Amino acid sequence: MNDPDDLRRQRVLATIDAIPRGRLATYGGVALEAGLPGRARYVARVLRELPANHTLPWHRVVGAGGHLRTSGPSATLQARLLRAEGIPVRAGRLDLANHVWPRAGE
């Protein structure tokens, strides 16, 4: 029998993996898309527990207010990766209005 937490975790990982290049999703948005409304902190925990060698586009997941949720070297790396995808980062802030995923109708 499958562990319910493992199934939730797999849904979160699949949702993050589906975020297109050049787009952003909030922790709450990922939770909602994964069928876990109100579980933004769970999404953050799943990301925090990823092994160092993963290839998931973690950098595309940001805070609800359009800001980076990491600090230190991770924030610098996240900003660099987002800029490389054409997403402007200004003082740790992001333009969710133009880059949020999914948009209505997607």
PDB file of N, CA and C in Angstrom:
ATOM      1  N   MET A   1       0.839  -1.195   0.000  1.00  0.00           N
ATOM      2  CA  MET A   1       0.000   0.000   0.000  1.00  0.00           C
ATOM      3  C   MET A   1       0.881   1.255   0.000  1.00  0.00           C
ATOM      4  N   ASN A   2       0.490   2.260  -0.755  1.00  0.00           N
ATOM      5  CA  ASN A   2       1.277   3.486  -0.852  1.00  0.00           C
ATOM      6  C   ASN A   2       1.077   4.363   0.369  1.00  0.00           C
ATOM      7  N   ASP A   3       2.158   4.974   0.803  1.00  0.00           N
ATOM      8  CA  ASP A   3       2.141   5.908   1.922  1.00  0.00           C
ATOM      9  C   ASP A   3       1.461   7.198   1.453  1.00  0.00           C
ATOM     10  N   PRO A   4       0.427   7.682   2.169  1.00  0.00           N
ATOM     11  CA  PRO A   4      -0.267   8.911   1.739  1.00  0.00           C
ATOM     12  C   PRO A   4       0.671  10.114   1.640  1.00  0.00           C
ATOM     13  N   ASP A   5       1.635  10.222   2.553  1.00  0.00           N
ATOM     14  CA  ASP A   5       2.560  11.356   2.483  1.00  0.00           C
ATOM     15  C   ASP A   5       3.432  11.259   1.241  1.00  0.00           C
ATOM     16  N   ASP A   6       3.827  10.045   0.878  1.00  0.00           N
ATOM     17  CA  ASP A   6       4.641   9.864  -0.322  1.00  0.00           C
ATOM     18  C   ASP A   6       3.847  10.257  -1.569  1.00  0.00           C
ATOM     19  N   LEU A   7       2.572   9.945  -1.596  1.00  0.00           N
ATOM     20  CA  LEU A   7       1.732  10.329  -2.737  1.00  0.00           C
ATOM     21  C   LEU A   7       1.584  11.845  -2.819  1.00  0.00           C
ATOM     22  N   ARG A   8       1.384  12.495  -1.681  1.00  0.00           N
ATOM     23  CA  ARG A   8       1.301  13.969  -1.667  1.00  0.00           C
ATOM     24  C   ARG A   8       2.615  14.574  -2.152  1.00  0.00           C
ATOM     25  N   ARG A   9       3.718  14.040  -1.658  1.00  0.00           N
ATOM     26  CA  ARG A   9       5.036  14.527  -2.042  1.00  0.00           C
ATOM     27  C   ARG A   9       5.234  14.375  -3.550  1.00  0.00           C
ATOM     28  N   GLN A  10       4.854  13.237  -4.101  1.00  0.00           N
ATOM     29  CA  GLN A  10       4.996  13.012  -5.546  1.00  0.00           C
ATOM     30  C   GLN A  10       4.155  14.001  -6.346  1.00  0.00           C
ATOM     31  N   ARG A  11       2.962  14.330  -5.870  1.00  0.00           N
ATOM     32  CA  ARG A  11       2.120  15.315  -6.565  1.00  0.00           C
ATOM     33  C   ARG A  11       2.782  16.691  -6.552  1.00  0.00           C
ATOM     34  N   VAL A  12       3.361  17.057  -5.418  1.00  0.00           N
ATOM     35  CA  VAL A  12       4.059  18.350  -5.319  1.00  0.00           C
ATOM     36  C   VAL A  12       5.246  18.371  -6.271  1.00  0.00           C
ATOM     37  N   LEU A  13       6.048  17.322  -6.270  1.00  0.00           N
ATOM     38  CA  LEU A  13       7.218  17.269  -7.146  1.00  0.00           C
ATOM     39  C   LEU A  13       6.823  17.326  -8.617  1.00  0.00           C
ATOM     40  N   ALA A  14       5.768  16.613  -8.979  1.00  0.00           N
ATOM     41  CA  ALA A  14       5.298  16.625 -10.374  1.00  0.00           C
ATOM     42  C   ALA A  14       4.802  18.013 -10.767  1.00  0.00           C
ATOM     43  N   THR A  15       4.147  18.698  -9.847  1.00  0.00           N
ATOM     44  CA  THR A  15       3.656  20.047 -10.132  1.00  0.00           C
ATOM     45  C   THR A  15       4.814  21.007 -10.341  1.00  0.00           C
ATOM     46  N   ILE A  16       5.810  20.943  -9.476  1.00  0.00           N
ATOM     47  CA  ILE A  16       6.976  21.816  -9.623  1.00  0.00           C
ATOM     48  C   ILE A  16       7.686  21.519 -10.938  1.00  0.00           C
ATOM     49  N   ASP A  17       7.802  20.261 -11.272  1.00  0.00           N
ATOM     50  CA  ASP A  17       8.467  19.870 -12.516  1.00  0.00           C
ATOM     51  C   ASP A  17       7.720  20.395 -13.746  1.00  0.00           C
ATOM     52  N   ALA A  18       6.427  20.653 -13.604  1.00  0.00           N
ATOM     53  CA  ALA A  18       5.601  21.115 -14.724  1.00  0.00           C
ATOM     54  C   ALA A  18       5.645  22.635 -14.925  1.00  0.00           C
ATOM     55  N   ILE A  19       6.256  23.369 -13.999  1.00  0.00           N
ATOM     56  CA  ILE A  19       6.314  24.830 -14.144  1.00  0.00           C
ATOM     57  C   ILE A  19       7.206  25.145 -15.349  1.00  0.00           C
ATOM     58  N   PRO A  20       6.651  25.820 -16.349  1.00  0.00           N
ATOM     59  CA  PRO A  20       7.438  26.088 -17.563  1.00  0.00           C
ATOM     60  C   PRO A  20       8.585  27.074 -17.328  1.00  0.00           C
ATOM     61  N   ARG A  21       9.590  26.952 -18.135  1.00  0.00           N
ATOM     62  CA  ARG A  21      10.714  27.891 -18.120  1.00  0.00           C
ATOM     63  C   ARG A  21      10.178  29.306 -18.298  1.00  0.00           C
ATOM     64  N   GLY A  22      10.700  30.238 -17.530  1.00  0.00           N
ATOM     65  CA  GLY A  22      10.283  31.637 -17.640  1.00  0.00           C
ATOM     66  C   GLY A  22       9.003  31.955 -16.902  1.00  0.00           C
ATOM     67  N   ARG A  23       8.501  31.013 -16.121  1.00  0.00           N
ATOM     68  CA  ARG A  23       7.270  31.229 -15.353  1.00  0.00           C
ATOM     69  C   ARG A  23       7.548  30.983 -13.880  1.00  0.00           C
ATOM     70  N   LEU A  24       6.693  31.506 -13.025  1.00  0.00           N
ATOM     71  CA  LEU A  24       6.816  31.377 -11.577  1.00  0.00           C
ATOM     72  C   LEU A  24       5.555  30.780 -10.989  1.00  0.00           C
ATOM     73  N   ALA A  25       5.698  30.080  -9.898  1.00  0.00           N
ATOM     74  CA  ALA A  25       4.549  29.604  -9.136  1.00  0.00           C
ATOM     75  C   ALA A  25       4.818  29.913  -7.667  1.00  0.00           C
ATOM     76  N   THR A  26       3.792  30.235  -6.942  1.00  0.00           N
ATOM     77  CA  THR A  26       3.949  30.454  -5.509  1.00  0.00           C
ATOM     78  C   THR A  26       3.850  29.113  -4.791  1.00  0.00           C
ATOM     79  N   TYR A  27       4.317  29.081  -3.564  1.00  0.00           N
ATOM     80  CA  TYR A  27       4.209  27.857  -2.768  1.00  0.00           C
ATOM     81  C   TYR A  27       2.742  27.442  -2.663  1.00  0.00           C
ATOM     82  N   GLY A  28       1.878  28.411  -2.416  1.00  0.00           N
ATOM     83  CA  GLY A  28       0.447  28.123  -2.324  1.00  0.00           C
ATOM     84  C   GLY A  28      -0.135  27.673  -3.653  1.00  0.00           C
ATOM     85  N   GLY A  29       0.346  28.249  -4.742  1.00  0.00           N
ATOM     86  CA  GLY A  29      -0.109  27.847  -6.067  1.00  0.00           C
ATOM     87  C   GLY A  29       0.277  26.420  -6.399  1.00  0.00           C
ATOM     88  N   VAL A  30       1.490  26.039  -6.009  1.00  0.00           N
ATOM     89  CA  VAL A  30       1.932  24.659  -6.219  1.00  0.00           C
ATOM     90  C   VAL A  30       1.048  23.721  -5.406  1.00  0.00           C
ATOM     91  N   ALA A  31       0.791  24.083  -4.160  1.00  0.00           N
ATOM     92  CA  ALA A  31      -0.061  23.252  -3.300  1.00  0.00           C
ATOM     93  C   ALA A  31      -1.447  23.086  -3.927  1.00  0.00           C
ATOM     94  N   LEU A  32      -2.016  24.167  -4.409  1.00  0.00           N
ATOM     95  CA  LEU A  32      -3.345  24.120  -5.018  1.00  0.00           C
ATOM     96  C   LEU A  32      -3.352  23.235  -6.258  1.00  0.00           C
ATOM     97  N   GLU A  33      -2.366  23.412  -7.137  1.00  0.00           N
ATOM     98  CA  GLU A  33      -2.272  22.603  -8.355  1.00  0.00           C
ATOM     99  C   GLU A  33      -2.064  21.121  -8.035  1.00  0.00           C
ATOM    100  N   ALA A  34      -1.397  20.860  -6.918  1.00  0.00           N
ATOM    101  CA  ALA A  34      -1.128  19.475  -6.516  1.00  0.00           C
ATOM    102  C   ALA A  34      -2.305  18.860  -5.761  1.00  0.00           C
ATOM    103  N   GLY A  35      -3.392  19.619  -5.631  1.00  0.00           N
ATOM    104  CA  GLY A  35      -4.573  19.111  -4.932  1.00  0.00           C
ATOM    105  C   GLY A  35      -4.449  19.190  -3.420  1.00  0.00           C
ATOM    106  N   LEU A  36      -3.612  20.111  -2.953  1.00  0.00           N
ATOM    107  CA  LEU A  36      -3.379  20.277  -1.520  1.00  0.00           C
ATOM    108  C   LEU A  36      -3.589  21.729  -1.101  1.00  0.00           C
ATOM    109  N   PRO A  37      -4.798  22.264  -1.307  1.00  0.00           N
ATOM    110  CA  PRO A  37      -5.023  23.678  -0.991  1.00  0.00           C
ATOM    111  C   PRO A  37      -4.676  23.986   0.466  1.00  0.00           C
ATOM    112  N   GLY A  38      -4.050  25.139   0.650  1.00  0.00           N
ATOM    113  CA  GLY A  38      -3.697  25.570   1.996  1.00  0.00           C
ATOM    114  C   GLY A  38      -2.446  24.907   2.555  1.00  0.00           C
ATOM    115  N   ARG A  39      -1.706  24.194   1.741  1.00  0.00           N
ATOM    116  CA  ARG A  39      -0.528  23.464   2.232  1.00  0.00           C
ATOM    117  C   ARG A  39       0.782  24.041   1.677  1.00  0.00           C
ATOM    118  N   ALA A  40       0.869  25.359   1.609  1.00  0.00           N
ATOM    119  CA  ALA A  40       2.081  26.014   1.106  1.00  0.00           C
ATOM    120  C   ALA A  40       3.307  25.625   1.925  1.00  0.00           C
ATOM    121  N   ARG A  41       3.151  25.516   3.228  1.00  0.00           N
ATOM    122  CA  ARG A  41       4.297  25.148   4.075  1.00  0.00           C
ATOM    123  C   ARG A  41       4.757  23.721   3.782  1.00  0.00           C
ATOM    124  N   TYR A  42       3.823  22.876   3.421  1.00  0.00           N
ATOM    125  CA  TYR A  42       4.197  21.510   3.050  1.00  0.00           C
ATOM    126  C   TYR A  42       5.063  21.538   1.793  1.00  0.00           C
ATOM    127  N   VAL A  43       4.691  22.368   0.825  1.00  0.00           N
ATOM    128  CA  VAL A  43       5.483  22.511  -0.405  1.00  0.00           C
ATOM    129  C   VAL A  43       6.893  22.982  -0.053  1.00  0.00           C
ATOM    130  N   ALA A  44       6.997  23.957   0.840  1.00  0.00           N
ATOM    131  CA  ALA A  44       8.310  24.452   1.259  1.00  0.00           C
ATOM    132  C   ALA A  44       9.127  23.333   1.906  1.00  0.00           C
ATOM    133  N   ARG A  45       8.484  22.514   2.712  1.00  0.00           N
ATOM    134  CA  ARG A  45       9.189  21.412   3.364  1.00  0.00           C
ATOM    135  C   ARG A  45       9.696  20.401   2.340  1.00  0.00           C
ATOM    136  N   VAL A  46       8.852  20.071   1.362  1.00  0.00           N
ATOM    137  CA  VAL A  46       9.266  19.130   0.322  1.00  0.00           C
ATOM    138  C   VAL A  46      10.497  19.667  -0.405  1.00  0.00           C
ATOM    139  N   LEU A  47      10.489  20.942  -0.737  1.00  0.00           N
ATOM    140  CA  LEU A  47      11.635  21.537  -1.425  1.00  0.00           C
ATOM    141  C   LEU A  47      12.880  21.536  -0.540  1.00  0.00           C
ATOM    142  N   ARG A  48      12.703  21.842   0.725  1.00  0.00           N
ATOM    143  CA  ARG A  48      13.822  21.870   1.666  1.00  0.00           C
ATOM    144  C   ARG A  48      14.481  20.500   1.809  1.00  0.00           C
ATOM    145  N   GLU A  49      13.693  19.440   1.669  1.00  0.00           N
ATOM    146  CA  GLU A  49      14.189  18.081   1.873  1.00  0.00           C
ATOM    147  C   GLU A  49      14.750  17.421   0.610  1.00  0.00           C
ATOM    148  N   LEU A  50      14.776  18.149  -0.500  1.00  0.00           N
ATOM    149  CA  LEU A  50      15.309  17.574  -1.742  1.00  0.00           C
ATOM    150  C   LEU A  50      16.801  17.305  -1.616  1.00  0.00           C
ATOM    151  N   PRO A  51      17.270  16.225  -2.224  1.00  0.00           N
ATOM    152  CA  PRO A  51      18.714  15.967  -2.204  1.00  0.00           C
ATOM    153  C   PRO A  51      19.454  17.026  -3.030  1.00  0.00           C
ATOM    154  N   ALA A  52      20.708  17.220  -2.711  1.00  0.00           N
ATOM    155  CA  ALA A  52      21.513  18.265  -3.366  1.00  0.00           C
ATOM    156  C   ALA A  52      21.633  18.066  -4.876  1.00  0.00           C
ATOM    157  N   ASN A  53      21.563  16.838  -5.356  1.00  0.00           N
ATOM    158  CA  ASN A  53      21.791  16.577  -6.784  1.00  0.00           C
ATOM    159  C   ASN A  53      20.507  16.523  -7.614  1.00  0.00           C
ATOM    160  N   HIS A  54      19.400  17.019  -7.097  1.00  0.00           N
ATOM    161  CA  HIS A  54      18.140  16.971  -7.845  1.00  0.00           C
ATOM    162  C   HIS A  54      18.166  17.941  -9.023  1.00  0.00           C
ATOM    163  N   THR A  55      17.256  17.717  -9.971  1.00  0.00           N
ATOM    164  CA  THR A  55      17.179  18.578 -11.161  1.00  0.00           C
ATOM    165  C   THR A  55      15.843  19.315 -11.249  1.00  0.00           C
ATOM    166  N   LEU A  56      15.085  19.314 -10.188  1.00  0.00           N
ATOM    167  CA  LEU A  56      13.785  19.985 -10.169  1.00  0.00           C
ATOM    168  C   LEU A  56      13.972  21.502 -10.269  1.00  0.00           C
ATOM    169  N   PRO A  57      13.120  22.208 -10.999  1.00  0.00           N
ATOM    170  CA  PRO A  57      13.269  23.661 -11.127  1.00  0.00           C
ATOM    171  C   PRO A  57      12.744  24.399  -9.880  1.00  0.00           C
ATOM    172  N   TRP A  58      13.352  24.141  -8.743  1.00  0.00           N
ATOM    173  CA  TRP A  58      12.958  24.717  -7.453  1.00  0.00           C
ATOM    174  C   TRP A  58      12.969  26.241  -7.481  1.00  0.00           C
ATOM    175  N   HIS A  59      13.840  26.811  -8.300  1.00  0.00           N
ATOM    176  CA  HIS A  59      14.006  28.260  -8.340  1.00  0.00           C
ATOM    177  C   HIS A  59      12.769  28.977  -8.868  1.00  0.00           C
ATOM    178  N   ARG A  60      11.866  28.264  -9.496  1.00  0.00           N
ATOM    179  CA  ARG A  60      10.647  28.875 -10.042  1.00  0.00           C
ATOM    180  C   ARG A  60       9.538  28.999  -8.996  1.00  0.00           C
ATOM    181  N   VAL A  61       9.759  28.494  -7.800  1.00  0.00           N
ATOM    182  CA  VAL A  61       8.764  28.570  -6.728  1.00  0.00           C
ATOM    183  C   VAL A  61       9.149  29.717  -5.805  1.00  0.00           C
ATOM    184  N   VAL A  62       8.206  30.659  -5.625  1.00  0.00           N
ATOM    185  CA  VAL A  62       8.491  31.885  -4.879  1.00  0.00           C
ATOM    186  C   VAL A  62       7.370  32.178  -3.883  1.00  0.00           C
ATOM    187  N   GLY A  63       7.615  33.164  -3.038  1.00  0.00           N
ATOM    188  CA  GLY A  63       6.621  33.568  -2.055  1.00  0.00           C
ATOM    189  C   GLY A  63       5.409  34.228  -2.688  1.00  0.00           C
ATOM    190  N   ALA A  64       4.304  34.195  -1.968  1.00  0.00           N
ATOM    191  CA  ALA A  64       3.031  34.716  -2.484  1.00  0.00           C
ATOM    192  C   ALA A  64       3.088  36.197  -2.836  1.00  0.00           C
ATOM    193  N   GLY A  65       3.912  36.941  -2.160  1.00  0.00           N
ATOM    194  CA  GLY A  65       4.020  38.366  -2.441  1.00  0.00           C
ATOM    195  C   GLY A  65       4.962  38.687  -3.586  1.00  0.00           C
ATOM    196  N   GLY A  66       5.429  37.659  -4.291  1.00  0.00           N
ATOM    197  CA  GLY A  66       6.336  37.878  -5.410  1.00  0.00           C
ATOM    198  C   GLY A  66       7.755  38.149  -4.950  1.00  0.00           C
ATOM    199  N   HIS A  67       8.197  37.403  -3.958  1.00  0.00           N
ATOM    200  CA  HIS A  67       9.556  37.591  -3.459  1.00  0.00           C
ATOM    201  C   HIS A  67      10.259  36.246  -3.286  1.00  0.00           C
ATOM    202  N   LEU A  68      11.581  36.305  -3.314  1.00  0.00           N
ATOM    203  CA  LEU A  68      12.383  35.113  -3.085  1.00  0.00           C
ATOM    204  C   LEU A  68      12.206  34.692  -1.631  1.00  0.00           C
ATOM    205  N   ARG A  69      12.075  33.399  -1.394  1.00  0.00           N
ATOM    206  CA  ARG A  69      11.891  32.907  -0.033  1.00  0.00           C
ATOM    207  C   ARG A  69      13.161  32.320   0.547  1.00  0.00           C
ATOM    208  N   THR A  70      14.217  32.296  -0.226  1.00  0.00           N
ATOM    209  CA  THR A  70      15.485  31.775   0.258  1.00  0.00           C
ATOM    210  C   THR A  70      16.341  32.937   0.729  1.00  0.00           C
ATOM    211  N   SER A  71      17.468  32.622   1.345  1.00  0.00           N
ATOM    212  CA  SER A  71      18.387  33.676   1.771  1.00  0.00           C
ATOM    213  C   SER A  71      19.817  33.220   1.506  1.00  0.00           C
ATOM    214  N   GLY A  72      20.737  34.148   1.613  1.00  0.00           N
ATOM    215  CA  GLY A  72      22.146  33.826   1.440  1.00  0.00           C
ATOM    216  C   GLY A  72      22.478  33.362   0.035  1.00  0.00           C
ATOM    217  N   PRO A  73      23.404  32.392  -0.062  1.00  0.00           N
ATOM    218  CA  PRO A  73      23.828  31.906  -1.378  1.00  0.00           C
ATOM    219  C   PRO A  73      22.669  31.317  -2.191  1.00  0.00           C
ATOM    220  N   SER A  74      21.697  30.720  -1.522  1.00  0.00           N
ATOM    221  CA  SER A  74      20.548  30.159  -2.243  1.00  0.00           C
ATOM    222  C   SER A  74      19.753  31.254  -2.944  1.00  0.00           C
ATOM    223  N   ALA A  75      19.591  32.393  -2.293  1.00  0.00           N
ATOM    224  CA  ALA A  75      18.854  33.505  -2.905  1.00  0.00           C
ATOM    225  C   ALA A  75      19.606  34.042  -4.109  1.00  0.00           C
ATOM    226  N   THR A  76      20.923  34.128  -3.987  1.00  0.00           N
ATOM    227  CA  THR A  76      21.739  34.599  -5.105  1.00  0.00           C
ATOM    228  C   THR A  76      21.621  33.639  -6.286  1.00  0.00           C
ATOM    229  N   LEU A  77      21.690  32.350  -6.006  1.00  0.00           N
ATOM    230  CA  LEU A  77      21.552  31.340  -7.056  1.00  0.00           C
ATOM    231  C   LEU A  77      20.157  31.397  -7.670  1.00  0.00           C
ATOM    232  N   GLN A  78      19.125  31.499  -6.836  1.00  0.00           N
ATOM    233  CA  GLN A  78      17.755  31.550  -7.345  1.00  0.00           C
ATOM    234  C   GLN A  78      17.575  32.759  -8.261  1.00  0.00           C
ATOM    235  N   ALA A  79      18.043  33.915  -7.832  1.00  0.00           N
ATOM    236  CA  ALA A  79      17.912  35.125  -8.654  1.00  0.00           C
ATOM    237  C   ALA A  79      18.644  34.953  -9.981  1.00  0.00           C
ATOM    238  N   ARG A  80      19.839  34.367  -9.944  1.00  0.00           N
ATOM    239  CA  ARG A  80      20.620  34.153 -11.176  1.00  0.00           C
ATOM    240  C   ARG A  80      19.897  33.210 -12.135  1.00  0.00           C
ATOM    241  N   LEU A  81      19.342  32.117 -11.597  1.00  0.00           N
ATOM    242  CA  LEU A  81      18.622  31.152 -12.435  1.00  0.00           C
ATOM    243  C   LEU A  81      17.366  31.776 -13.043  1.00  0.00           C
ATOM    244  N   LEU A  82      16.658  32.580 -12.273  1.00  0.00           N
ATOM    245  CA  LEU A  82      15.451  33.232 -12.793  1.00  0.00           C
ATOM    246  C   LEU A  82      15.804  34.252 -13.868  1.00  0.00           C
ATOM    247  N   ARG A  83      16.831  35.032 -13.634  1.00  0.00           N
ATOM    248  CA  ARG A  83      17.259  36.007 -14.651  1.00  0.00           C
ATOM    249  C   ARG A  83      17.665  35.308 -15.941  1.00  0.00           C
ATOM    250  N   ALA A  84      18.313  34.153 -15.824  1.00  0.00           N
ATOM    251  CA  ALA A  84      18.723  33.392 -17.009  1.00  0.00           C
ATOM    252  C   ALA A  84      17.514  32.936 -17.823  1.00  0.00           C
ATOM    253  N   GLU A  85      16.349  32.858 -17.173  1.00  0.00           N
ATOM    254  CA  GLU A  85      15.108  32.480 -17.867  1.00  0.00           C
ATOM    255  C   GLU A  85      14.314  33.701 -18.310  1.00  0.00           C
ATOM    256  N   GLY A  86      14.893  34.883 -18.137  1.00  0.00           N
ATOM    257  CA  GLY A  86      14.232  36.106 -18.582  1.00  0.00           C
ATOM    258  C   GLY A  86      13.281  36.712 -17.570  1.00  0.00           C
ATOM    259  N   ILE A  87      13.360  36.284 -16.325  1.00  0.00           N
ATOM    260  CA  ILE A  87      12.500  36.843 -15.272  1.00  0.00           C
ATOM    261  C   ILE A  87      13.307  37.880 -14.503  1.00  0.00           C
ATOM    262  N   PRO A  88      12.890  39.138 -14.560  1.00  0.00           N
ATOM    263  CA  PRO A  88      13.631  40.167 -13.835  1.00  0.00           C
ATOM    264  C   PRO A  88      13.479  39.988 -12.320  1.00  0.00           C
ATOM    265  N   VAL A  89      14.580  40.166 -11.608  1.00  0.00           N
ATOM    266  CA  VAL A  89      14.587  40.123 -10.139  1.00  0.00           C
ATOM    267  C   VAL A  89      15.182  41.431  -9.674  1.00  0.00           C
ATOM    268  N   ARG A  90      14.398  42.192  -8.953  1.00  0.00           N
ATOM    269  CA  ARG A  90      14.850  43.502  -8.463  1.00  0.00           C
ATOM    270  C   ARG A  90      14.710  43.539  -6.950  1.00  0.00           C
ATOM    271  N   ALA A  91      15.833  43.576  -6.273  1.00  0.00           N
ATOM    272  CA  ALA A  91      15.865  43.604  -4.802  1.00  0.00           C
ATOM    273  C   ALA A  91      15.068  42.439  -4.213  1.00  0.00           C
ATOM    274  N   GLY A  92      15.221  41.275  -4.829  1.00  0.00           N
ATOM    275  CA  GLY A  92      14.537  40.083  -4.335  1.00  0.00           C
ATOM    276  C   GLY A  92      13.057  40.021  -4.660  1.00  0.00           C
ATOM    277  N   ARG A  93      12.564  40.956  -5.466  1.00  0.00           N
ATOM    278  CA  ARG A  93      11.143  41.007  -5.833  1.00  0.00           C
ATOM    279  C   ARG A  93      10.964  40.548  -7.277  1.00  0.00           C
ATOM    280  N   LEU A  94       9.801  39.943  -7.518  1.00  0.00           N
ATOM    281  CA  LEU A  94       9.504  39.390  -8.839  1.00  0.00           C
ATOM    282  C   LEU A  94       8.159  39.901  -9.329  1.00  0.00           C
ATOM    283  N   ASP A  95       8.003  39.943 -10.623  1.00  0.00           N
ATOM    284  CA  ASP A  95       6.756  40.403 -11.244  1.00  0.00           C
ATOM    285  C   ASP A  95       5.832  39.201 -11.468  1.00  0.00           C
ATOM    286  N   LEU A  96       5.052  38.864 -10.441  1.00  0.00           N
ATOM    287  CA  LEU A  96       4.149  37.721 -10.560  1.00  0.00           C
ATOM    288  C   LEU A  96       3.090  37.943 -11.624  1.00  0.00           C
ATOM    289  N   ALA A  97       2.624  39.176 -11.757  1.00  0.00           N
ATOM    290  CA  ALA A  97       1.537  39.453 -12.701  1.00  0.00           C
ATOM    291  C   ALA A  97       1.869  38.993 -14.116  1.00  0.00           C
ATOM    292  N   ASN A  98       3.119  39.130 -14.518  1.00  0.00           N
ATOM    293  CA  ASN A  98       3.507  38.762 -15.886  1.00  0.00           C
ATOM    294  C   ASN A  98       4.126  37.384 -16.009  1.00  0.00           C
ATOM    295  N   HIS A  99       4.430  36.740 -14.879  1.00  0.00           N
ATOM    296  CA  HIS A  99       5.149  35.469 -14.953  1.00  0.00           C
ATOM    297  C   HIS A  99       4.498  34.341 -14.178  1.00  0.00           C
ATOM    298  N   VAL A 100       3.358  34.577 -13.562  1.00  0.00           N
ATOM    299  CA  VAL A 100       2.748  33.544 -12.721  1.00  0.00           C
ATOM    300  C   VAL A 100       2.229  32.361 -13.559  1.00  0.00           C
ATOM    301  N   TRP A 101       2.330  31.187 -12.987  1.00  0.00           N
ATOM    302  CA  TRP A 101       1.821  29.962 -13.592  1.00  0.00           C
ATOM    303  C   TRP A 101       1.014  29.219 -12.557  1.00  0.00           C
ATOM    304  N   PRO A 102      -0.069  28.606 -12.903  1.00  0.00           N
ATOM    305  CA  PRO A 102      -0.718  28.704 -14.216  1.00  0.00           C
ATOM    306  C   PRO A 102      -1.539  29.978 -14.295  1.00  0.00           C
ATOM    307  N   ARG A 103      -1.708  30.453 -15.489  1.00  0.00           N
ATOM    308  CA  ARG A 103      -2.615  31.573 -15.718  1.00  0.00           C
ATOM    309  C   ARG A 103      -3.986  31.015 -15.985  1.00  0.00           C
ATOM    310  N   ALA A 104      -4.987  31.830 -15.813  1.00  0.00           N
ATOM    311  CA  ALA A 104      -6.351  31.399 -16.088  1.00  0.00           C
ATOM    312  C   ALA A 104      -6.431  30.819 -17.501  1.00  0.00           C
ATOM    313  N   GLY A 105      -7.005  29.674 -17.638  1.00  0.00           N
ATOM    314  CA  GLY A 105      -7.162  29.033 -18.938  1.00  0.00           C
ATOM    315  C   GLY A 105      -6.034  28.106 -19.316  1.00  0.00           C
ATOM    316  N   GLU A 106      -4.989  28.043 -18.504  1.00  0.00           N
ATOM    317  CA  GLU A 106      -3.873  27.130 -18.820  1.00  0.00           C
ATOM    318  C   GLU A 106      -4.115  25.777 -18.207  1.00  0.00           C
TER     319      GLU A 106
END
